C-alpha atoms as a PDB file:
ATOM      1  CA  MET A   1      -0.309   0.318   0.096  1.00  0.00           C
ATOM      2  CA  GLU A   2       1.574   3.254  -0.520  1.00  0.00           C
ATOM      3  CA  LEU A   3       0.684   6.287   1.214  1.00  0.00           C
ATOM      4  CA  LEU A   4      -1.969   9.283  -0.703  1.00  0.00           C
ATOM      5  CA  VAL A   5      -2.694  12.054   1.663  1.00  0.00           C
ATOM      6  CA  GLU A   6      -2.323  12.360   4.931  1.00  0.00           C
ATOM      7  CA  LYS A   7      -6.667  14.584   5.954  1.00  0.00           C
ATOM      8  CA  ASP A   8      -8.802  15.521   8.721  1.00  0.00           C
ATOM      9  CA  ALA A   9     -10.726  12.815   8.987  1.00  0.00           C
ATOM     10  CA  MET A  10     -13.990  14.492   8.258  1.00  0.00           C
ATOM     11  CA  TRP A  11     -12.428  15.240   4.985  1.00  0.00           C
ATOM     12  CA  ALA A  12     -10.520  11.712   4.560  1.00  0.00           C
ATOM     13  CA  GLU A  13     -13.758   9.960   5.048  1.00  0.00           C
ATOM     14  CA  MET A  14     -14.984  11.748   1.857  1.00  0.00           C
ATOM     15  CA  LEU A  15     -12.289  10.117  -0.383  1.00  0.00           C
ATOM     16  CA  LEU A  16     -12.842   6.779   1.370  1.00  0.00           C
ATOM     17  CA  GLN A  17     -16.359   6.816  -0.108  1.00  0.00           C
ATOM     18  CA  VAL A  18     -15.078   8.538  -3.765  1.00  0.00           C
ATOM     19  CA  LEU A  19     -13.032   6.259  -3.530  1.00  0.00           C
ATOM     20  CA  LYS A  20     -14.200   2.735  -2.652  1.00  0.00           C
ATOM     21  CA  ASP A  21     -17.271   4.401  -5.753  1.00  0.00           C
ATOM     22  CA  HIS A  22     -15.023   3.857  -8.180  1.00  0.00           C
ATOM     23  CA  ASP A  23     -13.576   0.159  -7.178  1.00  0.00           C
ATOM     24  CA  ILE A  24     -10.465   1.460  -5.513  1.00  0.00           C
ATOM     25  CA  PRO A  25      -9.382  -0.735  -2.508  1.00  0.00           C
ATOM     26  CA  SER A  26      -8.039   1.878   0.491  1.00  0.00           C
ATOM     27  CA  ALA A  27      -6.935   1.486   3.806  1.00  0.00           C
ATOM     28  CA  ALA A  28      -7.538   4.599   6.573  1.00  0.00           C
ATOM     29  CA  MET A  29      -4.965   5.011   9.310  1.00  0.00           C
ATOM     30  CA  PRO A  30      -5.204   7.425  12.806  1.00  0.00           C
ATOM     31  CA  VAL A  31      -2.072   9.820  12.578  1.00  0.00           C
ATOM     32  CA  TYR A  32      -1.973  11.018  16.511  1.00  0.00           C
ATOM     33  CA  GLY A  33      -4.294   8.401  18.363  1.00  0.00           C
ATOM     34  CA  ALA A  34      -7.599   9.093  19.734  1.00  0.00           C
ATOM     35  CA  GLY A  35      -5.831   8.991  23.225  1.00  0.00           C
ATOM     36  CA  LEU A  36      -3.733  12.638  22.344  1.00  0.00           C
ATOM     37  CA  THR A  37      -6.804  14.100  19.566  1.00  0.00           C
ATOM     38  CA  LEU A  38      -9.276  13.792  23.100  1.00  0.00           C
ATOM     39  CA  LYS A  39      -7.162  14.946  25.345  1.00  0.00           C
ATOM     40  CA  SER A  40      -5.203  18.049  23.558  1.00  0.00           C
ATOM     41  CA  GLY A  41      -8.906  18.332  21.245  1.00  0.00           C
ATOM     42  CA  MET A  42      -7.347  18.418  17.492  1.00  0.00           C
ATOM     43  CA  MET A  43      -8.918  16.932  15.342  1.00  0.00           C
ATOM     44  CA  GLU A  44      -8.305  13.900  14.284  1.00  0.00           C
ATOM     45  CA  ARG A  45      -6.101  12.993  10.978  1.00  0.00           C
ATOM     46  CA  LEU A  46      -5.815  10.128   8.968  1.00  0.00           C
ATOM     47  CA  LYS A  47      -3.671   8.678   6.265  1.00  0.00           C
ATOM     48  CA  VAL A  48      -5.424   7.277   3.618  1.00  0.00           C
ATOM     49  CA  TYR A  49      -3.433   4.294   1.885  1.00  0.00           C
ATOM     50  CA  VAL A  50      -4.024   2.502  -1.716  1.00  0.00           C
ATOM     51  CA  PRO A  51      -2.280   0.032  -3.385  1.00  0.00           C
ATOM     52  CA  ALA A  52       0.484   1.007  -5.929  1.00  0.00           C
ATOM     53  CA  ARG A  53      -1.021   0.309  -8.686  1.00  0.00           C
ATOM     54  CA  ASN A  54      -4.308   2.609  -7.998  1.00  0.00           C
ATOM     55  CA  LEU A  55      -2.385   5.122  -7.126  1.00  0.00           C
ATOM     56  CA  PRO A  56      -2.519   7.567 -10.432  1.00  0.00           C
ATOM     57  CA  GLN A  57      -6.008   6.722 -10.232  1.00  0.00           C
ATOM     58  CA  ALA A  58      -6.526   7.745  -7.162  1.00  0.00           C
ATOM     59  CA  GLN A  59      -3.800  10.764  -7.203  1.00  0.00           C
ATOM     60  CA  SER A  60      -5.967  11.795  -9.984  1.00  0.00           C
ATOM     61  CA  LEU A  61      -9.773  11.351  -7.452  1.00  0.00           C
ATOM     62  CA  LEU A  62      -7.858  13.388  -4.909  1.00  0.00           C
ATOM     63  CA  GLN A  63      -6.894  16.280  -6.808  1.00  0.00           C
ATOM     64  CA  GLU A  64     -10.756  16.294  -8.570  1.00  0.00           C
ATOM     65  CA  LEU A  65     -11.814  16.420  -5.104  1.00  0.00           C
ATOM     66  CA  PHE A  66      -8.800  18.611  -3.009  1.00  0.00           C
ATOM     67  CA  PRO A  67      -7.594  20.934  -6.274  1.00  0.00           C
ATOM     68  CA  GLU A  68      -6.302  23.969  -3.539  1.00  0.00           C
ATOM     69  CA  ASP A  69      -4.091  20.865  -2.171  1.00  0.00           C
END
């Protein structure tokens, strides 16, 4: 699996759904962990991973969703 992007959880969940809709397998891992985000009040961030063979298509979808990044 290759790292696609790190995003706030809300945006990462939206991206995961779009990847699923395009039949691109994906996985997400928390950056900080629940304990730290609860203690500090930080927003949870997720790292989104996709298989290397799907990376170009996933990057294209990412650019469509978040052109400012």
